[in-house]
Amino acid sequence: MQLTRADYQGNDFNRSVCTFTMRNGADTVQFAASWALMDAIEAGPRSHSGQRDAQFARLRDRIEAIAERKFFSMRDGERPSKIIILTAMDVGV
């Protein structure tokens, strides 16, 4: 089974992440992609906070692929019950 795209929820400026959901069958999985992750994917200059929505949209396919790999690499008991955080360390996952 694979995860499927669901909703983009937007920026959380306090935590420096973009939040989104994906579907695992009938279940909704909550993710947060750190701004550091998005900057690491682009390997360019750091984006400004006002550019994060556009950056997420541009990188969405790659971010979701990273999210899916991380989700399925975790065992059921290791998966957090609320949100899975994607960080720059997950780029190579």
N, C-alpha and C. Protein backbone atom coordinates (compact mmCIF):
# COMPACT_ATOMS: atom_id res chain seq x y z
N MET A 1 0.84 -1.18 0.00
CA MET A 1 0.00 0.00 0.00
C MET A 1 0.89 1.25 0.00
N GLN A 2 0.40 2.31 -0.55
CA GLN A 2 1.14 3.56 -0.53
C GLN A 2 0.26 4.68 0.00
N LEU A 3 0.91 5.73 0.46
CA LEU A 3 0.16 6.90 0.94
C LEU A 3 -0.32 7.70 -0.27
N THR A 4 -1.45 8.37 -0.09
CA THR A 4 -1.96 9.23 -1.15
C THR A 4 -2.10 10.66 -0.63
N ARG A 5 -2.02 11.58 -1.56
CA ARG A 5 -2.09 13.00 -1.24
C ARG A 5 -3.43 13.36 -0.62
N ALA A 6 -3.37 14.23 0.38
CA ALA A 6 -4.59 14.75 0.99
C ALA A 6 -4.49 16.28 1.00
N ASP A 7 -4.47 16.89 2.17
CA ASP A 7 -4.57 18.35 2.25
C ASP A 7 -3.27 19.02 2.64
N TYR A 8 -3.05 20.19 2.07
CA TYR A 8 -2.00 21.09 2.54
C TYR A 8 -2.65 22.03 3.53
N GLN A 9 -2.11 22.09 4.73
CA GLN A 9 -2.73 22.89 5.77
C GLN A 9 -2.05 24.25 5.96
N GLY A 10 -0.83 24.40 5.48
CA GLY A 10 -0.18 25.70 5.53
C GLY A 10 1.02 25.75 6.45
N ASN A 11 1.48 26.97 6.65
CA ASN A 11 2.65 27.25 7.46
C ASN A 11 2.30 27.36 8.93
N ASP A 12 3.20 26.87 9.74
CA ASP A 12 3.16 27.14 11.17
C ASP A 12 4.42 27.96 11.44
N PHE A 13 4.27 29.26 11.44
CA PHE A 13 5.41 30.16 11.58
C PHE A 13 6.10 30.00 12.93
N ASN A 14 5.37 29.59 13.95
CA ASN A 14 5.97 29.41 15.27
C ASN A 14 6.91 28.20 15.32
N ARG A 15 6.60 27.17 14.54
CA ARG A 15 7.43 25.96 14.54
C ARG A 15 8.31 25.83 13.30
N SER A 16 8.19 26.77 12.36
CA SER A 16 8.99 26.75 11.12
C SER A 16 8.78 25.47 10.32
N VAL A 17 7.51 25.12 10.12
CA VAL A 17 7.14 23.93 9.35
C VAL A 17 5.94 24.24 8.47
N CYS A 18 5.78 23.43 7.44
CA CYS A 18 4.56 23.40 6.64
C CYS A 18 3.86 22.10 6.99
N THR A 19 2.57 22.17 7.27
CA THR A 19 1.84 20.97 7.67
C THR A 19 0.94 20.50 6.54
N PHE A 20 0.82 19.18 6.45
CA PHE A 20 0.00 18.56 5.41
C PHE A 20 -0.42 17.17 5.87
N THR A 21 -1.41 16.63 5.18
CA THR A 21 -1.86 15.28 5.50
C THR A 21 -1.76 14.39 4.27
N MET A 22 -1.66 13.10 4.55
CA MET A 22 -1.70 12.08 3.51
C MET A 22 -2.63 10.98 4.02
N ARG A 23 -3.12 10.18 3.10
CA ARG A 23 -4.05 9.10 3.46
C ARG A 23 -3.33 7.76 3.38
N ASN A 24 -3.55 6.95 4.41
CA ASN A 24 -3.09 5.57 4.44
C ASN A 24 -4.34 4.72 4.51
N GLY A 25 -4.87 4.39 3.34
CA GLY A 25 -6.18 3.73 3.30
C GLY A 25 -7.23 4.71 3.82
N ALA A 26 -7.96 4.30 4.84
CA ALA A 26 -9.00 5.16 5.42
C ALA A 26 -8.45 6.11 6.49
N ASP A 27 -7.19 5.92 6.88
CA ASP A 27 -6.59 6.73 7.94
C ASP A 27 -5.91 7.97 7.38
N THR A 28 -6.01 9.06 8.11
CA THR A 28 -5.31 10.29 7.77
C THR A 28 -4.05 10.38 8.60
N VAL A 29 -2.93 10.68 7.95
CA VAL A 29 -1.65 10.81 8.63
C VAL A 29 -1.21 12.26 8.53
N GLN A 30 -0.88 12.87 9.66
CA GLN A 30 -0.46 14.26 9.74
C GLN A 30 1.06 14.35 9.66
N PHE A 31 1.56 15.25 8.81
CA PHE A 31 3.00 15.48 8.66
C PHE A 31 3.30 16.96 8.83
N ALA A 32 4.55 17.22 9.20
CA ALA A 32 5.07 18.59 9.23
C ALA A 32 6.44 18.55 8.55
N ALA A 33 6.59 19.30 7.47
CA ALA A 33 7.86 19.39 6.75
C ALA A 33 8.58 20.64 7.24
N SER A 34 9.74 20.45 7.83
CA SER A 34 10.49 21.59 8.34
C SER A 34 10.98 22.46 7.19
N TRP A 35 11.10 23.73 7.48
CA TRP A 35 11.63 24.64 6.47
C TRP A 35 13.06 24.23 6.11
N ALA A 36 13.80 23.68 7.08
CA ALA A 36 15.16 23.21 6.82
C ALA A 36 15.14 22.06 5.81
N LEU A 37 14.14 21.19 5.90
CA LEU A 37 14.00 20.09 4.93
C LEU A 37 13.83 20.67 3.52
N MET A 38 12.92 21.63 3.39
CA MET A 38 12.65 22.19 2.07
C MET A 38 13.88 22.89 1.51
N ASP A 39 14.61 23.61 2.36
CA ASP A 39 15.84 24.26 1.91
C ASP A 39 16.91 23.24 1.52
N ALA A 40 16.97 22.12 2.26
CA ALA A 40 17.94 21.08 1.95
C ALA A 40 17.62 20.42 0.60
N ILE A 41 16.35 20.22 0.31
CA ILE A 41 15.96 19.63 -0.97
C ILE A 41 16.41 20.54 -2.11
N GLU A 42 16.18 21.84 -1.96
CA GLU A 42 16.54 22.77 -3.03
C GLU A 42 18.03 23.07 -3.08
N ALA A 43 18.72 22.89 -1.97
CA ALA A 43 20.16 23.13 -1.90
C ALA A 43 20.55 24.49 -2.46
N GLY A 44 19.72 25.46 -2.20
CA GLY A 44 20.00 26.82 -2.65
C GLY A 44 19.90 27.76 -1.49
N PRO A 45 19.75 29.03 -1.78
CA PRO A 45 19.61 29.99 -0.69
C PRO A 45 18.32 29.73 0.09
N ARG A 46 18.38 30.05 1.35
CA ARG A 46 17.23 29.86 2.23
C ARG A 46 16.07 30.75 1.79
N SER A 47 14.87 30.18 1.76
CA SER A 47 13.68 30.95 1.39
C SER A 47 13.21 31.79 2.56
N HIS A 48 12.52 32.87 2.27
CA HIS A 48 11.91 33.71 3.30
C HIS A 48 10.61 33.08 3.75
N SER A 49 10.19 33.38 4.96
CA SER A 49 8.98 32.76 5.51
C SER A 49 7.75 33.00 4.63
N GLY A 50 7.66 34.14 3.97
CA GLY A 50 6.54 34.43 3.10
C GLY A 50 6.53 33.65 1.80
N GLN A 51 7.62 32.95 1.52
CA GLN A 51 7.73 32.16 0.30
C GLN A 51 7.51 30.67 0.53
N ARG A 52 7.22 30.29 1.76
CA ARG A 52 7.15 28.86 2.10
C ARG A 52 5.99 28.13 1.44
N ASP A 53 4.84 28.77 1.30
CA ASP A 53 3.72 28.10 0.63
C ASP A 53 4.09 27.74 -0.81
N ALA A 54 4.68 28.68 -1.52
CA ALA A 54 5.09 28.45 -2.91
C ALA A 54 6.19 27.40 -2.97
N GLN A 55 7.11 27.43 -2.01
CA GLN A 55 8.19 26.45 -1.98
C GLN A 55 7.62 25.06 -1.75
N PHE A 56 6.68 24.93 -0.82
CA PHE A 56 6.06 23.62 -0.58
C PHE A 56 5.38 23.12 -1.84
N ALA A 57 4.63 23.98 -2.50
CA ALA A 57 3.92 23.57 -3.72
C ALA A 57 4.91 23.08 -4.78
N ARG A 58 6.02 23.77 -4.91
CA ARG A 58 7.05 23.41 -5.89
C ARG A 58 7.69 22.06 -5.56
N LEU A 59 7.84 21.77 -4.27
CA LEU A 59 8.55 20.57 -3.81
C LEU A 59 7.62 19.46 -3.33
N ARG A 60 6.33 19.67 -3.48
CA ARG A 60 5.36 18.77 -2.86
C ARG A 60 5.58 17.30 -3.22
N ASP A 61 5.79 16.99 -4.47
CA ASP A 61 5.99 15.58 -4.86
C ASP A 61 7.18 14.98 -4.12
N ARG A 62 8.28 15.72 -4.04
CA ARG A 62 9.47 15.21 -3.37
C ARG A 62 9.26 15.09 -1.86
N ILE A 63 8.58 16.08 -1.27
CA ILE A 63 8.31 16.04 0.18
C ILE A 63 7.41 14.85 0.50
N GLU A 64 6.40 14.63 -0.31
CA GLU A 64 5.49 13.50 -0.06
C GLU A 64 6.20 12.16 -0.25
N ALA A 65 7.13 12.08 -1.18
CA ALA A 65 7.90 10.84 -1.34
C ALA A 65 8.76 10.58 -0.10
N ILE A 66 9.35 11.61 0.45
CA ILE A 66 10.13 11.48 1.69
C ILE A 66 9.21 11.07 2.83
N ALA A 67 8.04 11.69 2.91
CA ALA A 67 7.08 11.36 3.97
C ALA A 67 6.67 9.89 3.88
N GLU A 68 6.40 9.43 2.68
CA GLU A 68 5.99 8.03 2.50
C GLU A 68 7.11 7.08 2.90
N ARG A 69 8.33 7.35 2.47
CA ARG A 69 9.46 6.49 2.84
C ARG A 69 9.64 6.45 4.36
N LYS A 70 9.57 7.63 4.99
CA LYS A 70 9.74 7.68 6.45
C LYS A 70 8.60 6.93 7.14
N PHE A 71 7.38 7.14 6.71
CA PHE A 71 6.22 6.49 7.33
C PHE A 71 6.36 4.97 7.27
N PHE A 72 6.69 4.43 6.11
CA PHE A 72 6.76 2.98 5.98
C PHE A 72 8.05 2.39 6.53
N SER A 73 9.05 3.20 6.81
CA SER A 73 10.26 2.69 7.45
C SER A 73 10.08 2.57 8.96
N MET A 74 9.05 3.22 9.49
CA MET A 74 8.75 3.16 10.93
C MET A 74 7.83 1.96 11.20
N ARG A 75 8.06 1.31 12.29
CA ARG A 75 7.16 0.24 12.70
C ARG A 75 5.91 0.87 13.30
N ASP A 76 4.85 0.12 13.30
CA ASP A 76 3.58 0.65 13.81
C ASP A 76 3.74 1.29 15.19
N GLY A 77 4.44 0.65 16.08
CA GLY A 77 4.61 1.18 17.43
C GLY A 77 5.51 2.40 17.50
N GLU A 78 6.32 2.63 16.47
CA GLU A 78 7.22 3.79 16.44
C GLU A 78 6.56 5.03 15.88
N ARG A 79 5.46 4.86 15.19
CA ARG A 79 4.80 6.00 14.56
C ARG A 79 4.12 6.86 15.62
N PRO A 80 4.43 8.15 15.61
CA PRO A 80 3.76 9.02 16.58
C PRO A 80 2.26 9.05 16.33
N SER A 81 1.51 9.24 17.38
CA SER A 81 0.06 9.22 17.23
C SER A 81 -0.49 10.51 16.63
N LYS A 82 0.24 11.61 16.73
CA LYS A 82 -0.30 12.88 16.25
C LYS A 82 0.32 13.37 14.95
N ILE A 83 1.65 13.49 14.88
CA ILE A 83 2.28 14.11 13.72
C ILE A 83 3.66 13.53 13.50
N ILE A 84 4.03 13.35 12.24
CA ILE A 84 5.37 12.90 11.88
C ILE A 84 6.12 14.10 11.33
N ILE A 85 7.24 14.42 11.95
CA ILE A 85 8.05 15.57 11.57
C ILE A 85 9.10 15.13 10.56
N LEU A 86 9.18 15.85 9.46
CA LEU A 86 10.20 15.60 8.44
C LEU A 86 11.26 16.68 8.59
N THR A 87 12.51 16.27 8.76
CA THR A 87 13.61 17.21 8.94
C THR A 87 14.61 17.08 7.81
N ALA A 88 15.61 17.94 7.81
CA ALA A 88 16.65 17.90 6.77
C ALA A 88 17.37 16.55 6.78
N MET A 89 17.43 15.88 7.92
CA MET A 89 18.07 14.56 7.98
C MET A 89 17.30 13.52 7.18
N ASP A 90 16.05 13.77 6.87
CA ASP A 90 15.23 12.82 6.12
C ASP A 90 15.41 12.92 4.61
N VAL A 91 16.16 13.89 4.13
CA VAL A 91 16.34 14.04 2.68
C VAL A 91 16.93 12.77 2.08
N GLY A 92 17.86 12.14 2.75
CA GLY A 92 18.49 10.94 2.24
C GLY A 92 17.78 9.66 2.61
N VAL A 93 16.64 9.73 3.26
CA VAL A 93 15.92 8.53 3.71
C VAL A 93 15.36 7.78 2.52
